[in-house]
Amino acid sequence: MTTKLTSLNIAPTVNAKRTEIQNPELWQFPMDYPMSIIGHEGEHDSLRHEVTLILAEIFPDFDTASMVVRPSKTGRFHALRVNLHLTSADEVNRLYTALDKAKTVKTAV
């Protein structure tokens, strides 16, 4: 059996959920993690509220005043920019799982 390797010669994680960290050996904790959380244009207030609730649950010390909302060039979407201080892979997995379930979130990068 041949294992496909990534460009970094690391075998991909098998049977991982799409909201779980891929290639965990590449992540070094603690770390600062800038993130854009994207939602549709007409829902930017709801997006901000829902993301605030998610972040407060996972990161109790997160300063919500640091969140920045910006419209896309086309105006169809809004990006909510946050900078998170991550201390574990569990935080990352919980964050992406919660964002995946959020009704106002289209994607997160």
PDB file of N, CA and C in Angstrom:
ATOM      1  N   MET A   1       0.835  -1.174   0.000  1.00  0.00           N
ATOM      2  CA  MET A   1       0.000   0.000   0.000  1.00  0.00           C
ATOM      3  C   MET A   1       0.882   1.240   0.000  1.00  0.00           C
ATOM      4  N   THR A   2       0.569   2.196  -0.865  1.00  0.00           N
ATOM      5  CA  THR A   2       1.343   3.416  -0.974  1.00  0.00           C
ATOM      6  C   THR A   2       0.640   4.538  -0.219  1.00  0.00           C
ATOM      7  N   THR A   3       1.389   5.299   0.567  1.00  0.00           N
ATOM      8  CA  THR A   3       0.830   6.433   1.290  1.00  0.00           C
ATOM      9  C   THR A   3       1.158   7.699   0.535  1.00  0.00           C
ATOM     10  N   LYS A   4       0.120   8.478   0.231  1.00  0.00           N
ATOM     11  CA  LYS A   4       0.331   9.757  -0.438  1.00  0.00           C
ATOM     12  C   LYS A   4       0.873  10.751   0.583  1.00  0.00           C
ATOM     13  N   LEU A   5       1.927  11.451   0.224  1.00  0.00           N
ATOM     14  CA  LEU A   5       2.523  12.425   1.119  1.00  0.00           C
ATOM     15  C   LEU A   5       2.175  13.827   0.667  1.00  0.00           C
ATOM     16  N   THR A   6       2.113  14.733   1.621  1.00  0.00           N
ATOM     17  CA  THR A   6       1.869  16.131   1.292  1.00  0.00           C
ATOM     18  C   THR A   6       3.162  16.749   0.795  1.00  0.00           C
ATOM     19  N   SER A   7       3.098  18.021   0.419  1.00  0.00           N
ATOM     20  CA  SER A   7       4.299  18.696  -0.073  1.00  0.00           C
ATOM     21  C   SER A   7       5.372  18.793   1.002  1.00  0.00           C
ATOM     22  N   LEU A   8       5.003  18.605   2.261  1.00  0.00           N
ATOM     23  CA  LEU A   8       5.975  18.640   3.350  1.00  0.00           C
ATOM     24  C   LEU A   8       6.412  17.233   3.754  1.00  0.00           C
ATOM     25  N   ASN A   9       6.058  16.232   2.919  1.00  0.00           N
ATOM     26  CA  ASN A   9       6.381  14.833   3.181  1.00  0.00           C
ATOM     27  C   ASN A   9       5.813  14.336   4.506  1.00  0.00           C
ATOM     28  N   ILE A  10       4.591  14.749   4.775  1.00  0.00           N
ATOM     29  CA  ILE A  10       3.886  14.309   5.967  1.00  0.00           C
ATOM     30  C   ILE A  10       2.617  13.610   5.505  1.00  0.00           C
ATOM     31  N   ALA A  11       2.400  12.404   5.988  1.00  0.00           N
ATOM     32  CA  ALA A  11       1.204  11.658   5.601  1.00  0.00           C
ATOM     33  C   ALA A  11      -0.037  12.361   6.135  1.00  0.00           C
ATOM     34  N   PRO A  12      -1.096  12.483   5.316  1.00  0.00           N
ATOM     35  CA  PRO A  12      -2.318  13.132   5.789  1.00  0.00           C
ATOM     36  C   PRO A  12      -2.982  12.328   6.897  1.00  0.00           C
ATOM     37  N   THR A  13      -3.706  13.021   7.771  1.00  0.00           N
ATOM     38  CA  THR A  13      -4.427  12.374   8.853  1.00  0.00           C
ATOM     39  C   THR A  13      -5.574  11.562   8.269  1.00  0.00           C
ATOM     40  N   VAL A  14      -5.678  10.299   8.672  1.00  0.00           N
ATOM     41  CA  VAL A  14      -6.708   9.414   8.151  1.00  0.00           C
ATOM     42  C   VAL A  14      -7.925   9.458   9.072  1.00  0.00           C
ATOM     43  N   ASN A  15      -9.111   9.491   8.472  1.00  0.00           N
ATOM     44  CA  ASN A  15     -10.379   9.457   9.199  1.00  0.00           C
ATOM     45  C   ASN A  15     -10.593  10.641  10.142  1.00  0.00           C
ATOM     46  N   ALA A  16      -9.967  11.764   9.877  1.00  0.00           N
ATOM     47  CA  ALA A  16     -10.184  12.954  10.701  1.00  0.00           C
ATOM     48  C   ALA A  16     -11.441  13.667  10.228  1.00  0.00           C
ATOM     49  N   LYS A  17     -12.175  14.245  11.169  1.00  0.00           N
ATOM     50  CA  LYS A  17     -13.332  15.063  10.815  1.00  0.00           C
ATOM     51  C   LYS A  17     -12.829  16.337  10.155  1.00  0.00           C
ATOM     52  N   ARG A  18     -13.677  16.934   9.323  1.00  0.00           N
ATOM     53  CA  ARG A  18     -13.220  18.129   8.617  1.00  0.00           C
ATOM     54  C   ARG A  18     -13.012  19.311   9.548  1.00  0.00           C
ATOM     55  N   THR A  19     -13.549  19.254  10.758  1.00  0.00           N
ATOM     56  CA  THR A  19     -13.352  20.336  11.715  1.00  0.00           C
ATOM     57  C   THR A  19     -12.184  20.081  12.660  1.00  0.00           C
ATOM     58  N   GLU A  20     -11.487  18.971  12.487  1.00  0.00           N
ATOM     59  CA  GLU A  20     -10.343  18.655  13.336  1.00  0.00           C
ATOM     60  C   GLU A  20      -9.046  19.064  12.656  1.00  0.00           C
ATOM     61  N   ILE A  21      -8.037  19.301  13.460  1.00  0.00           N
ATOM     62  CA  ILE A  21      -6.724  19.688  12.951  1.00  0.00           C
ATOM     63  C   ILE A  21      -6.193  18.602  12.023  1.00  0.00           C
ATOM     64  N   GLN A  22      -5.719  19.030  10.867  1.00  0.00           N
ATOM     65  CA  GLN A  22      -5.035  18.137   9.945  1.00  0.00           C
ATOM     66  C   GLN A  22      -3.531  18.321  10.185  1.00  0.00           C
ATOM     67  N   ASN A  23      -2.776  17.277  10.150  1.00  0.00           N
ATOM     68  CA  ASN A  23      -1.329  17.317  10.394  1.00  0.00           C
ATOM     69  C   ASN A  23      -1.001  17.996  11.725  1.00  0.00           C
ATOM     70  N   PRO A  24      -1.446  17.435  12.833  1.00  0.00           N
ATOM     71  CA  PRO A  24      -1.245  18.072  14.140  1.00  0.00           C
ATOM     72  C   PRO A  24       0.220  18.316  14.486  1.00  0.00           C
ATOM     73  N   GLU A  25       1.115  17.559  13.883  1.00  0.00           N
ATOM     74  CA  GLU A  25       2.536  17.751  14.186  1.00  0.00           C
ATOM     75  C   GLU A  25       3.067  19.095  13.683  1.00  0.00           C
ATOM     76  N   LEU A  26       2.317  19.775  12.826  1.00  0.00           N
ATOM     77  CA  LEU A  26       2.743  21.083  12.320  1.00  0.00           C
ATOM     78  C   LEU A  26       2.317  22.235  13.233  1.00  0.00           C
ATOM     79  N   TRP A  27       1.438  21.969  14.163  1.00  0.00           N
ATOM     80  CA  TRP A  27       0.935  23.007  15.066  1.00  0.00           C
ATOM     81  C   TRP A  27       1.802  23.051  16.314  1.00  0.00           C
ATOM     82  N   GLN A  28       2.189  24.260  16.724  1.00  0.00           N
ATOM     83  CA  GLN A  28       2.992  24.431  17.933  1.00  0.00           C
ATOM     84  C   GLN A  28       2.247  25.366  18.880  1.00  0.00           C
ATOM     85  N   PHE A  29       1.906  24.852  20.041  1.00  0.00           N
ATOM     86  CA  PHE A  29       1.150  25.623  21.031  1.00  0.00           C
ATOM     87  C   PHE A  29       2.061  26.026  22.171  1.00  0.00           C
ATOM     88  N   PRO A  30       1.811  27.193  22.771  1.00  0.00           N
ATOM     89  CA  PRO A  30       0.790  28.190  22.452  1.00  0.00           C
ATOM     90  C   PRO A  30       1.166  28.980  21.196  1.00  0.00           C
ATOM     91  N   MET A  31       0.151  29.602  20.589  1.00  0.00           N
ATOM     92  CA  MET A  31       0.382  30.385  19.373  1.00  0.00           C
ATOM     93  C   MET A  31      -0.704  31.439  19.203  1.00  0.00           C
ATOM     94  N   ASP A  32      -0.342  32.527  18.520  1.00  0.00           N
ATOM     95  CA  ASP A  32      -1.329  33.520  18.115  1.00  0.00           C
ATOM     96  C   ASP A  32      -1.840  33.105  16.749  1.00  0.00           C
ATOM     97  N   TYR A  33      -3.148  33.203  16.558  1.00  0.00           N
ATOM     98  CA  TYR A  33      -3.790  32.656  15.363  1.00  0.00           C
ATOM     99  C   TYR A  33      -4.771  33.672  14.786  1.00  0.00           C
ATOM    100  N   PRO A  34      -4.365  34.395  13.737  1.00  0.00           N
ATOM    101  CA  PRO A  34      -5.307  35.318  13.096  1.00  0.00           C
ATOM    102  C   PRO A  34      -6.327  34.529  12.285  1.00  0.00           C
ATOM    103  N   MET A  35      -7.570  34.979  12.301  1.00  0.00           N
ATOM    104  CA  MET A  35      -8.633  34.229  11.642  1.00  0.00           C
ATOM    105  C   MET A  35      -9.659  35.185  11.047  1.00  0.00           C
ATOM    106  N   SER A  36     -10.191  34.807   9.886  1.00  0.00           N
ATOM    107  CA  SER A  36     -11.318  35.514   9.278  1.00  0.00           C
ATOM    108  C   SER A  36     -12.514  34.577   9.282  1.00  0.00           C
ATOM    109  N   ILE A  37     -13.613  35.066   9.818  1.00  0.00           N
ATOM    110  CA  ILE A  37     -14.852  34.302   9.869  1.00  0.00           C
ATOM    111  C   ILE A  37     -15.829  35.023   8.949  1.00  0.00           C
ATOM    112  N   ILE A  38     -16.297  34.341   7.922  1.00  0.00           N
ATOM    113  CA  ILE A  38     -17.033  34.991   6.844  1.00  0.00           C
ATOM    114  C   ILE A  38     -18.509  34.612   6.881  1.00  0.00           C
ATOM    115  N   GLY A  39     -19.349  35.634   6.716  1.00  0.00           N
ATOM    116  CA  GLY A  39     -20.795  35.446   6.663  1.00  0.00           C
ATOM    117  C   GLY A  39     -21.396  36.331   5.590  1.00  0.00           C
ATOM    118  N   HIS A  40     -22.674  36.119   5.288  1.00  0.00           N
ATOM    119  CA  HIS A  40     -23.353  36.903   4.252  1.00  0.00           C
ATOM    120  C   HIS A  40     -23.559  38.349   4.691  1.00  0.00           C
ATOM    121  N   GLU A  41     -23.617  39.243   3.730  1.00  0.00           N
ATOM    122  CA  GLU A  41     -23.684  40.689   3.960  1.00  0.00           C
ATOM    123  C   GLU A  41     -24.815  41.099   4.883  1.00  0.00           C
ATOM    124  N   GLY A  42     -26.009  40.626   4.659  1.00  0.00           N
ATOM    125  CA  GLY A  42     -27.155  41.069   5.435  1.00  0.00           C
ATOM    126  C   GLY A  42     -27.187  40.573   6.866  1.00  0.00           C
ATOM    127  N   GLU A  43     -26.235  39.750   7.253  1.00  0.00           N
ATOM    128  CA  GLU A  43     -26.249  39.122   8.574  1.00  0.00           C
ATOM    129  C   GLU A  43     -25.067  39.527   9.442  1.00  0.00           C
ATOM    130  N   HIS A  44     -24.407  40.664   9.142  1.00  0.00           N
ATOM    131  CA  HIS A  44     -23.180  40.952   9.881  1.00  0.00           C
ATOM    132  C   HIS A  44     -23.406  41.180  11.376  1.00  0.00           C
ATOM    133  N   ASP A  45     -24.551  41.747  11.782  1.00  0.00           N
ATOM    134  CA  ASP A  45     -24.823  41.898  13.217  1.00  0.00           C
ATOM    135  C   ASP A  45     -25.052  40.534  13.872  1.00  0.00           C
ATOM    136  N   SER A  46     -25.796  39.671  13.194  1.00  0.00           N
ATOM    137  CA  SER A  46     -26.034  38.316  13.709  1.00  0.00           C
ATOM    138  C   SER A  46     -24.741  37.515  13.736  1.00  0.00           C
ATOM    139  N   LEU A  47     -23.915  37.688  12.708  1.00  0.00           N
ATOM    140  CA  LEU A  47     -22.617  37.009  12.649  1.00  0.00           C
ATOM    141  C   LEU A  47     -21.772  37.411  13.851  1.00  0.00           C
ATOM    142  N   ARG A  48     -21.672  38.704  14.086  1.00  0.00           N
ATOM    143  CA  ARG A  48     -20.863  39.195  15.206  1.00  0.00           C
ATOM    144  C   ARG A  48     -21.390  38.636  16.534  1.00  0.00           C
ATOM    145  N   HIS A  49     -22.696  38.631  16.713  1.00  0.00           N
ATOM    146  CA  HIS A  49     -23.288  38.131  17.955  1.00  0.00           C
ATOM    147  C   HIS A  49     -23.014  36.634  18.141  1.00  0.00           C
ATOM    148  N   GLU A  50     -23.253  35.856  17.091  1.00  0.00           N
ATOM    149  CA  GLU A  50     -23.061  34.404  17.196  1.00  0.00           C
ATOM    150  C   GLU A  50     -21.595  34.054  17.441  1.00  0.00           C
ATOM    151  N   VAL A  51     -20.693  34.721  16.739  1.00  0.00           N
ATOM    152  CA  VAL A  51     -19.261  34.458  16.928  1.00  0.00           C
ATOM    153  C   VAL A  51     -18.814  34.897  18.324  1.00  0.00           C
ATOM    154  N   THR A  52     -19.347  36.002  18.813  1.00  0.00           N
ATOM    155  CA  THR A  52     -19.022  36.456  20.171  1.00  0.00           C
ATOM    156  C   THR A  52     -19.393  35.390  21.197  1.00  0.00           C
ATOM    157  N   LEU A  53     -20.560  34.779  21.052  1.00  0.00           N
ATOM    158  CA  LEU A  53     -20.986  33.724  21.973  1.00  0.00           C
ATOM    159  C   LEU A  53     -20.056  32.514  21.902  1.00  0.00           C
ATOM    160  N   ILE A  54     -19.657  32.134  20.693  1.00  0.00           N
ATOM    161  CA  ILE A  54     -18.756  30.990  20.510  1.00  0.00           C
ATOM    162  C   ILE A  54     -17.401  31.270  21.146  1.00  0.00           C
ATOM    163  N   LEU A  55     -16.844  32.445  20.859  1.00  0.00           N
ATOM    164  CA  LEU A  55     -15.522  32.786  21.390  1.00  0.00           C
ATOM    165  C   LEU A  55     -15.544  32.917  22.909  1.00  0.00           C
ATOM    166  N   ALA A  56     -16.622  33.469  23.467  1.00  0.00           N
ATOM    167  CA  ALA A  56     -16.723  33.616  24.920  1.00  0.00           C
ATOM    168  C   ALA A  56     -16.738  32.259  25.619  1.00  0.00           C
ATOM    169  N   GLU A  57     -17.336  31.268  24.967  1.00  0.00           N
ATOM    170  CA  GLU A  57     -17.387  29.932  25.560  1.00  0.00           C
ATOM    171  C   GLU A  57     -16.023  29.244  25.527  1.00  0.00           C
ATOM    172  N   ILE A  58     -15.306  29.381  24.422  1.00  0.00           N
ATOM    173  CA  ILE A  58     -14.030  28.671  24.261  1.00  0.00           C
ATOM    174  C   ILE A  58     -12.857  29.473  24.818  1.00  0.00           C
ATOM    175  N   PHE A  59     -12.926  30.804  24.682  1.00  0.00           N
ATOM    176  CA  PHE A  59     -11.845  31.697  25.113  1.00  0.00           C
ATOM    177  C   PHE A  59     -12.430  32.762  26.054  1.00  0.00           C
ATOM    178  N   PRO A  60     -12.643  32.440  27.324  1.00  0.00           N
ATOM    179  CA  PRO A  60     -13.303  33.373  28.241  1.00  0.00           C
ATOM    180  C   PRO A  60     -12.606  34.733  28.360  1.00  0.00           C
ATOM    181  N   ASP A  61     -11.305  34.795  28.125  1.00  0.00           N
ATOM    182  CA  ASP A  61     -10.566  36.052  28.251  1.00  0.00           C
ATOM    183  C   ASP A  61     -10.483  36.837  26.948  1.00  0.00           C
ATOM    184  N   PHE A  62     -11.133  36.370  25.892  1.00  0.00           N
ATOM    185  CA  PHE A  62     -11.060  37.060  24.600  1.00  0.00           C
ATOM    186  C   PHE A  62     -11.725  38.431  24.693  1.00  0.00           C
ATOM    187  N   ASP A  63     -11.045  39.447  24.159  1.00  0.00           N
ATOM    188  CA  ASP A  63     -11.559  40.818  24.149  1.00  0.00           C
ATOM    189  C   ASP A  63     -12.390  41.030  22.887  1.00  0.00           C
ATOM    190  N   THR A  64     -13.704  41.043  23.031  1.00  0.00           N
ATOM    191  CA  THR A  64     -14.578  41.183  21.862  1.00  0.00           C
ATOM    192  C   THR A  64     -14.427  42.542  21.186  1.00  0.00           C
ATOM    193  N   ALA A  65     -13.897  43.530  21.891  1.00  0.00           N
ATOM    194  CA  ALA A  65     -13.679  44.851  21.283  1.00  0.00           C
ATOM    195  C   ALA A  65     -12.601  44.790  20.203  1.00  0.00           C
ATOM    196  N   SER A  66     -11.793  43.739  20.209  1.00  0.00           N
ATOM    197  CA  SER A  66     -10.726  43.615  19.204  1.00  0.00           C
ATOM    198  C   SER A  66     -11.229  43.055  17.873  1.00  0.00           C
ATOM    199  N   MET A  67     -12.488  42.595  17.816  1.00  0.00           N
ATOM    200  CA  MET A  67     -13.038  42.061  16.566  1.00  0.00           C
ATOM    201  C   MET A  67     -13.269  43.196  15.573  1.00  0.00           C
ATOM    202  N   VAL A  68     -12.934  42.936  14.313  1.00  0.00           N
ATOM    203  CA  VAL A  68     -13.118  43.924  13.251  1.00  0.00           C
ATOM    204  C   VAL A  68     -13.981  43.300  12.159  1.00  0.00           C
ATOM    205  N   VAL A  69     -15.039  44.013  11.739  1.00  0.00           N
ATOM    206  CA  VAL A  69     -15.910  43.539  10.666  1.00  0.00           C
ATOM    207  C   VAL A  69     -15.621  44.359   9.418  1.00  0.00           C
ATOM    208  N   ARG A  70     -15.367  43.656   8.310  1.00  0.00           N
ATOM    209  CA  ARG A  70     -15.096  44.334   7.040  1.00  0.00           C
ATOM    210  C   ARG A  70     -15.929  43.707   5.935  1.00  0.00           C
ATOM    211  N   PRO A  71     -16.507  44.549   5.058  1.00  0.00           N
ATOM    212  CA  PRO A  71     -17.242  44.013   3.908  1.00  0.00           C
ATOM    213  C   PRO A  71     -16.270  43.509   2.847  1.00  0.00           C
ATOM    214  N   SER A  72     -16.716  42.539   2.058  1.00  0.00           N
ATOM    215  CA  SER A  72     -15.901  42.064   0.932  1.00  0.00           C
ATOM    216  C   SER A  72     -15.916  43.116  -0.171  1.00  0.00           C
ATOM    217  N   LYS A  73     -15.040  42.959  -1.145  1.00  0.00           N
ATOM    218  CA  LYS A  73     -14.972  43.910  -2.264  1.00  0.00           C
ATOM    219  C   LYS A  73     -16.291  43.982  -3.021  1.00  0.00           C
ATOM    220  N   THR A  74     -16.976  42.853  -3.144  1.00  0.00           N
ATOM    221  CA  THR A  74     -18.249  42.821  -3.874  1.00  0.00           C
ATOM    222  C   THR A  74     -19.428  43.244  -3.003  1.00  0.00           C
ATOM    223  N   GLY A  75     -19.228  43.266  -1.686  1.00  0.00           N
ATOM    224  CA  GLY A  75     -20.301  43.632  -0.779  1.00  0.00           C
ATOM    225  C   GLY A  75     -21.251  42.499  -0.452  1.00  0.00           C
ATOM    226  N   ARG A  76     -20.993  41.307  -0.962  1.00  0.00           N
ATOM    227  CA  ARG A  76     -21.885  40.165  -0.715  1.00  0.00           C
ATOM    228  C   ARG A  76     -21.623  39.489   0.628  1.00  0.00           C
ATOM    229  N   PHE A  77     -20.435  39.691   1.189  1.00  0.00           N
ATOM    230  CA  PHE A  77     -20.051  39.015   2.424  1.00  0.00           C
ATOM    231  C   PHE A  77     -19.418  40.013   3.389  1.00  0.00           C
ATOM    232  N   HIS A  78     -19.346  39.609   4.642  1.00  0.00           N
ATOM    233  CA  HIS A  78     -18.604  40.345   5.656  1.00  0.00           C
ATOM    234  C   HIS A  78     -17.617  39.379   6.300  1.00  0.00           C
ATOM    235  N   ALA A  79     -16.420  39.874   6.581  1.00  0.00           N
ATOM    236  CA  ALA A  79     -15.408  39.081   7.267  1.00  0.00           C
ATOM    237  C   ALA A  79     -15.223  39.649   8.667  1.00  0.00           C
ATOM    238  N   LEU A  80     -15.288  38.789   9.630  1.00  0.00           N
ATOM    239  CA  LEU A  80     -15.044  39.148  11.017  1.00  0.00           C
ATOM    240  C   LEU A  80     -13.630  38.697  11.342  1.00  0.00           C
ATOM    241  N   ARG A  81     -12.725  39.663  11.565  1.00  0.00           N
ATOM    242  CA  ARG A  81     -11.319  39.347  11.829  1.00  0.00           C
ATOM    243  C   ARG A  81     -11.078  39.282  13.329  1.00  0.00           C
ATOM    244  N   VAL A  82     -10.436  38.194  13.756  1.00  0.00           N
ATOM    245  CA  VAL A  82     -10.080  38.027  15.163  1.00  0.00           C
ATOM    246  C   VAL A  82      -8.653  37.501  15.241  1.00  0.00           C
ATOM    247  N   ASN A  83      -8.009  37.768  16.354  1.00  0.00           N
ATOM    248  CA  ASN A  83      -6.685  37.213  16.616  1.00  0.00           C
ATOM    249  C   ASN A  83      -6.794  36.449  17.932  1.00  0.00           C
ATOM    250  N   LEU A  84      -6.637  35.138  17.853  1.00  0.00           N
ATOM    251  CA  LEU A  84      -6.830  34.274  19.013  1.00  0.00           C
ATOM    252  C   LEU A  84      -5.500  33.770  19.546  1.00  0.00           C
ATOM    253  N   HIS A  85      -5.431  33.581  20.852  1.00  0.00           N
ATOM    254  CA  HIS A  85      -4.259  32.961  21.462  1.00  0.00           C
ATOM    255  C   HIS A  85      -4.652  31.522  21.793  1.00  0.00           C
ATOM    256  N   LEU A  86      -4.120  30.593  21.009  1.00  0.00           N
ATOM    257  CA  LEU A  86      -4.459  29.174  21.159  1.00  0.00           C
ATOM    258  C   LEU A  86      -3.440  28.483  22.051  1.00  0.00           C
ATOM    259  N   THR A  87      -3.937  27.628  22.934  1.00  0.00           N
ATOM    260  CA  THR A  87      -3.040  26.898  23.826  1.00  0.00           C
ATOM    261  C   THR A  87      -3.068  25.389  23.617  1.00  0.00           C
ATOM    262  N   SER A  88      -4.050  24.898  22.817  1.00  0.00           N
ATOM    263  CA  SER A  88      -4.131  23.448  22.618  1.00  0.00           C
ATOM    264  C   SER A  88      -4.887  23.106  21.341  1.00  0.00           C
ATOM    265  N   ALA A  89      -4.661  21.899  20.857  1.00  0.00           N
ATOM    266  CA  ALA A  89      -5.382  21.407  19.684  1.00  0.00           C
ATOM    267  C   ALA A  89      -6.868  21.266  19.988  1.00  0.00           C
ATOM    268  N   ASP A  90      -7.204  20.958  21.227  1.00  0.00           N
ATOM    269  CA  ASP A  90      -8.610  20.836  21.612  1.00  0.00           C
ATOM    270  C   ASP A  90      -9.355  22.151  21.382  1.00  0.00           C
ATOM    271  N   GLU A  91      -8.720  23.280  21.691  1.00  0.00           N
ATOM    272  CA  GLU A  91      -9.353  24.584  21.440  1.00  0.00           C
ATOM    273  C   GLU A  91      -9.645  24.772  19.958  1.00  0.00           C
ATOM    274  N   VAL A  92      -8.694  24.408  19.115  1.00  0.00           N
ATOM    275  CA  VAL A  92      -8.865  24.550  17.666  1.00  0.00           C
ATOM    276  C   VAL A  92     -10.023  23.682  17.189  1.00  0.00           C
ATOM    277  N   ASN A  93     -10.050  22.430  17.614  1.00  0.00           N
ATOM    278  CA  ASN A  93     -11.114  21.516  17.199  1.00  0.00           C
ATOM    279  C   ASN A  93     -12.483  21.990  17.684  1.00  0.00           C
ATOM    280  N   ARG A  94     -12.562  22.445  18.923  1.00  0.00           N
ATOM    281  CA  ARG A  94     -13.831  22.964  19.455  1.00  0.00           C
ATOM    282  C   ARG A  94     -14.272  24.207  18.696  1.00  0.00           C
ATOM    283  N   LEU A  95     -13.328  25.093  18.379  1.00  0.00           N
ATOM    284  CA  LEU A  95     -13.642  26.324  17.659  1.00  0.00           C
ATOM    285  C   LEU A  95     -14.212  26.025  16.280  1.00  0.00           C
ATOM    286  N   TYR A  96     -13.502  25.207  15.502  1.00  0.00           N
ATOM    287  CA  TYR A  96     -13.968  24.911  14.145  1.00  0.00           C
ATOM    288  C   TYR A  96     -15.275  24.110  14.144  1.00  0.00           C
ATOM    289  N   THR A  97     -15.481  23.258  15.133  1.00  0.00           N
ATOM    290  CA  THR A  97     -16.747  22.530  15.235  1.00  0.00           C
ATOM    291  C   THR A  97     -17.894  23.497  15.510  1.00  0.00           C
ATOM    292  N   ALA A  98     -17.694  24.429  16.439  1.00  0.00           N
ATOM    293  CA  ALA A  98     -18.737  25.409  16.764  1.00  0.00           C
ATOM    294  C   ALA A  98     -19.019  26.328  15.582  1.00  0.00           C
ATOM    295  N   LEU A  99     -17.975  26.779  14.888  1.00  0.00           N
ATOM    296  CA  LEU A  99     -18.172  27.655  13.730  1.00  0.00           C
ATOM    297  C   LEU A  99     -18.870  26.914  12.594  1.00  0.00           C
ATOM    298  N   ASP A 100     -18.577  25.627  12.451  1.00  0.00           N
ATOM    299  CA  ASP A 100     -19.217  24.819  11.412  1.00  0.00           C
ATOM    300  C   ASP A 100     -20.721  24.692  11.661  1.00  0.00           C
ATOM    301  N   LYS A 101     -21.121  24.666  12.922  1.00  0.00           N
ATOM    302  CA  LYS A 101     -22.536  24.537  13.278  1.00  0.00           C
ATOM    303  C   LYS A 101     -23.270  25.881  13.285  1.00  0.00           C
ATOM    304  N   ALA A 102     -22.531  26.982  13.298  1.00  0.00           N
ATOM    305  CA  ALA A 102     -23.142  28.313  13.390  1.00  0.00           C
ATOM    306  C   ALA A 102     -23.920  28.649  12.120  1.00  0.00           C
ATOM    307  N   LYS A 103     -25.137  29.141  12.280  1.00  0.00           N
ATOM    308  CA  LYS A 103     -26.008  29.432  11.136  1.00  0.00           C
ATOM    309  C   LYS A 103     -25.526  30.612  10.303  1.00  0.00           C
ATOM    310  N   THR A 104     -24.877  31.583  10.926  1.00  0.00           N
ATOM    311  CA  THR A 104     -24.482  32.793  10.200  1.00  0.00           C
ATOM    312  C   THR A 104     -23.099  32.695   9.563  1.00  0.00           C
ATOM    313  N   VAL A 105     -22.345  31.653   9.885  1.00  0.00           N
ATOM    314  CA  VAL A 105     -20.975  31.511   9.380  1.00  0.00           C
ATOM    315  C   VAL A 105     -20.980  30.722   8.080  1.00  0.00           C
ATOM    316  N   LYS A 106     -20.438  31.333   7.033  1.00  0.00           N
ATOM    317  CA  LYS A 106     -20.300  30.650   5.744  1.00  0.00           C
ATOM    318  C   LYS A 106     -19.021  29.823   5.731  1.00  0.00           C
ATOM    319  N   THR A 107     -17.915  30.428   6.163  1.00  0.00           N
ATOM    320  CA  THR A 107     -16.627  29.734   6.218  1.00  0.00           C
ATOM    321  C   THR A 107     -15.705  30.456   7.189  1.00  0.00           C
ATOM    322  N   ALA A 108     -14.628  29.788   7.574  1.00  0.00           N
ATOM    323  CA  ALA A 108     -13.619  30.388   8.447  1.00  0.00           C
ATOM    324  C   ALA A 108     -12.245  30.000   7.928  1.00  0.00           C
ATOM    325  N   VAL A 109     -11.377  30.989   7.846  1.00  0.00           N
ATOM    326  CA  VAL A 109     -10.001  30.754   7.379  1.00  0.00           C
ATOM    327  C   VAL A 109      -9.023  31.444   8.294  1.00  0.00           C
TER     328      VAL A 109
END
